Amino acid sequence: YVDRMTFGTNGTLSGAPKVVDASRNGLFGPTLVSKQVMSTVNPNVLNQAIFTAIVGFDEGNGSIINEMGLLMKNGDMFSMATLGGISKDSSIQIVFNWRITMV
């Protein structure tokens, strides 16, 4: 089962998000923050799981978060995404909700 959400700073190339292919088994760079997830089922879409993690006020400061992954309990990567980047400093905490719909 999905246990953790990891965040990193090596998910872009020249400012554009890197492409994640299906063979990828980890972040592009080292893990900046790793957080245990809260898992819920969307009550309005019963085949959709929501994984929530909070990067707190004192975590990842001075960094640009631009890659994230969902890790299984055994450490295997379940899913990964890259993004343009979120500048993190101590004035904010960030709540990430990652939705996976089973078809």
C-alpha atoms as a PDB file:
ATOM      1  CA  TYR A   1       0.000   0.000   0.000  1.00  0.00           C
ATOM      2  CA  VAL A   2       1.012   3.661  -0.462  1.00  0.00           C
ATOM      3  CA  ASP A   3       2.847   4.855   2.648  1.00  0.00           C
ATOM      4  CA  ARG A   4       4.868   8.002   1.865  1.00  0.00           C
ATOM      5  CA  MET A   5       5.060  11.030  -0.376  1.00  0.00           C
ATOM      6  CA  THR A   6       8.574  12.207  -1.213  1.00  0.00           C
ATOM      7  CA  PHE A   7       9.623  15.594  -2.552  1.00  0.00           C
ATOM      8  CA  GLY A   8      12.727  16.724  -4.416  1.00  0.00           C
ATOM      9  CA  THR A   9      14.363  19.605  -6.254  1.00  0.00           C
ATOM     10  CA  ASN A  10      15.681  18.020  -9.463  1.00  0.00           C
ATOM     11  CA  GLY A  11      12.442  17.689 -11.452  1.00  0.00           C
ATOM     12  CA  THR A  12      13.090  20.389 -14.061  1.00  0.00           C
ATOM     13  CA  LEU A  13      15.512  20.933 -16.912  1.00  0.00           C
ATOM     14  CA  SER A  14      16.047  24.547 -18.013  1.00  0.00           C
ATOM     15  CA  GLY A  15      12.891  25.485 -16.093  1.00  0.00           C
ATOM     16  CA  ALA A  16      10.615  22.894 -17.751  1.00  0.00           C
ATOM     17  CA  PRO A  17       9.351  19.813 -15.870  1.00  0.00           C
ATOM     18  CA  LYS A  18      11.253  16.653 -16.800  1.00  0.00           C
ATOM     19  CA  VAL A  19       9.281  13.873 -18.489  1.00  0.00           C
ATOM     20  CA  VAL A  20       8.594  10.892 -16.245  1.00  0.00           C
ATOM     21  CA  ASP A  21       8.543   7.562 -18.053  1.00  0.00           C
ATOM     22  CA  ALA A  22       7.035   4.318 -16.787  1.00  0.00           C
ATOM     23  CA  SER A  23      10.437   2.732 -16.060  1.00  0.00           C
ATOM     24  CA  ARG A  24      11.373   5.424 -13.528  1.00  0.00           C
ATOM     25  CA  ASN A  25      11.800   4.015  -9.996  1.00  0.00           C
ATOM     26  CA  GLY A  26      12.822   7.089  -7.997  1.00  0.00           C
ATOM     27  CA  LEU A  27      13.064  10.848  -7.970  1.00  0.00           C
ATOM     28  CA  PHE A  28      15.503  12.511 -10.396  1.00  0.00           C
ATOM     29  CA  GLY A  29      17.538  13.809  -7.466  1.00  0.00           C
ATOM     30  CA  PRO A  30      17.893  13.211  -3.738  1.00  0.00           C
ATOM     31  CA  THR A  31      14.835  13.314  -1.496  1.00  0.00           C
ATOM     32  CA  LEU A  32      14.400  16.712   0.171  1.00  0.00           C
ATOM     33  CA  VAL A  33      11.412  15.778   2.353  1.00  0.00           C
ATOM     34  CA  SER A  34       9.627  12.465   2.955  1.00  0.00           C
ATOM     35  CA  LYS A  35       6.226  12.473   4.642  1.00  0.00           C
ATOM     36  CA  GLN A  36       3.825   9.735   5.676  1.00  0.00           C
ATOM     37  CA  VAL A  37       0.516  10.056   3.811  1.00  0.00           C
ATOM     38  CA  MET A  38      -3.049  10.080   5.013  1.00  0.00           C
ATOM     39  CA  SER A  39      -5.144   7.913   2.683  1.00  0.00           C
ATOM     40  CA  THR A  40      -8.859   8.423   2.089  1.00  0.00           C
ATOM     41  CA  VAL A  41     -11.464   7.415  -0.474  1.00  0.00           C
ATOM     42  CA  ASN A  42     -13.232  10.280  -2.219  1.00  0.00           C
ATOM     43  CA  PRO A  43     -16.847   9.989  -0.972  1.00  0.00           C
ATOM     44  CA  ASN A  44     -18.107  11.462  -4.277  1.00  0.00           C
ATOM     45  CA  VAL A  45     -15.978   9.243  -6.543  1.00  0.00           C
ATOM     46  CA  LEU A  46     -15.664   5.868  -4.824  1.00  0.00           C
ATOM     47  CA  ASN A  47     -12.982   4.563  -7.183  1.00  0.00           C
ATOM     48  CA  GLN A  48     -10.673   7.481  -6.335  1.00  0.00           C
ATOM     49  CA  ALA A  49      -8.055   7.403  -3.565  1.00  0.00           C
ATOM     50  CA  ILE A  50      -6.673  10.643  -2.139  1.00  0.00           C
ATOM     51  CA  PHE A  51      -3.218  10.677  -0.584  1.00  0.00           C
ATOM     52  CA  THR A  52      -2.457  13.757   1.541  1.00  0.00           C
ATOM     53  CA  ALA A  53       0.885  14.962   2.909  1.00  0.00           C
ATOM     54  CA  ILE A  54       1.840  18.250   4.541  1.00  0.00           C
ATOM     55  CA  VAL A  55       5.262  19.851   4.129  1.00  0.00           C
ATOM     56  CA  GLY A  56       5.452  21.857   7.335  1.00  0.00           C
ATOM     57  CA  PHE A  57       6.698  25.365   8.099  1.00  0.00           C
ATOM     58  CA  ASP A  58      10.136  24.063   9.130  1.00  0.00           C
ATOM     59  CA  GLU A  59      10.689  21.602   6.241  1.00  0.00           C
ATOM     60  CA  GLY A  60      12.368  22.091   2.870  1.00  0.00           C
ATOM     61  CA  ASN A  61      13.034  25.784   3.395  1.00  0.00           C
ATOM     62  CA  GLY A  62      15.190  27.590   0.839  1.00  0.00           C
ATOM     63  CA  SER A  63      14.341  25.007  -1.831  1.00  0.00           C
ATOM     64  CA  ILE A  64      12.171  24.801  -4.923  1.00  0.00           C
ATOM     65  CA  ILE A  65      10.064  21.635  -4.800  1.00  0.00           C
ATOM     66  CA  ASN A  66       9.581  20.409  -8.368  1.00  0.00           C
ATOM     67  CA  GLU A  67       9.285  16.625  -8.161  1.00  0.00           C
ATOM     68  CA  MET A  68       7.287  14.275  -5.992  1.00  0.00           C
ATOM     69  CA  GLY A  69       6.622  10.592  -5.693  1.00  0.00           C
ATOM     70  CA  LEU A  70       4.279   8.172  -3.952  1.00  0.00           C
ATOM     71  CA  LEU A  71       6.124   5.310  -2.263  1.00  0.00           C
ATOM     72  CA  MET A  72       4.750   1.939  -1.267  1.00  0.00           C
ATOM     73  CA  LYS A  73       5.355   0.547   2.232  1.00  0.00           C
ATOM     74  CA  ASN A  74       8.162  -1.639   0.798  1.00  0.00           C
ATOM     75  CA  GLY A  75       9.918   1.443  -0.682  1.00  0.00           C
ATOM     76  CA  ASP A  76       8.920   0.874  -4.327  1.00  0.00           C
ATOM     77  CA  MET A  77       7.801   3.938  -6.309  1.00  0.00           C
ATOM     78  CA  PHE A  78       4.068   3.759  -7.100  1.00  0.00           C
ATOM     79  CA  SER A  79       3.757   7.035  -9.024  1.00  0.00           C
ATOM     80  CA  MET A  80       5.831  10.133  -9.743  1.00  0.00           C
ATOM     81  CA  ALA A  81       5.209  13.654 -11.028  1.00  0.00           C
ATOM     82  CA  THR A  82       7.248  16.736 -11.873  1.00  0.00           C
ATOM     83  CA  LEU A  83       6.062  20.334 -11.749  1.00  0.00           C
ATOM     84  CA  GLY A  84       7.304  23.839 -12.531  1.00  0.00           C
ATOM     85  CA  GLY A  85       8.280  24.418  -8.929  1.00  0.00           C
ATOM     86  CA  ILE A  86       7.071  25.761  -5.605  1.00  0.00           C
ATOM     87  CA  SER A  87       9.457  28.002  -3.636  1.00  0.00           C
ATOM     88  CA  LYS A  88       9.417  26.868  -0.016  1.00  0.00           C
ATOM     89  CA  ASP A  89      10.253  29.084   2.951  1.00  0.00           C
ATOM     90  CA  SER A  90       9.323  29.100   6.634  1.00  0.00           C
ATOM     91  CA  SER A  91       6.306  31.368   6.112  1.00  0.00           C
ATOM     92  CA  ILE A  92       4.266  28.589   4.458  1.00  0.00           C
ATOM     93  CA  GLN A  93       3.288  24.987   4.850  1.00  0.00           C
ATOM     94  CA  ILE A  94       2.056  23.132   1.778  1.00  0.00           C
ATOM     95  CA  VAL A  95      -0.737  20.544   1.691  1.00  0.00           C
ATOM     96  CA  PHE A  96      -0.447  18.134  -1.231  1.00  0.00           C
ATOM     97  CA  ASN A  97      -3.492  16.052  -2.239  1.00  0.00           C
ATOM     98  CA  TRP A  98      -2.615  13.418  -4.826  1.00  0.00           C
ATOM     99  CA  ARG A  99      -5.654  11.756  -6.402  1.00  0.00           C
ATOM    100  CA  ILE A 100      -5.497   8.372  -8.111  1.00  0.00           C
ATOM    101  CA  THR A 101      -8.581   7.107  -9.927  1.00  0.00           C
ATOM    102  CA  MET A 102      -8.906   3.359 -10.471  1.00  0.00           C
ATOM    103  CA  VAL A 103     -10.593   2.411 -13.735  1.00  0.00           C
END
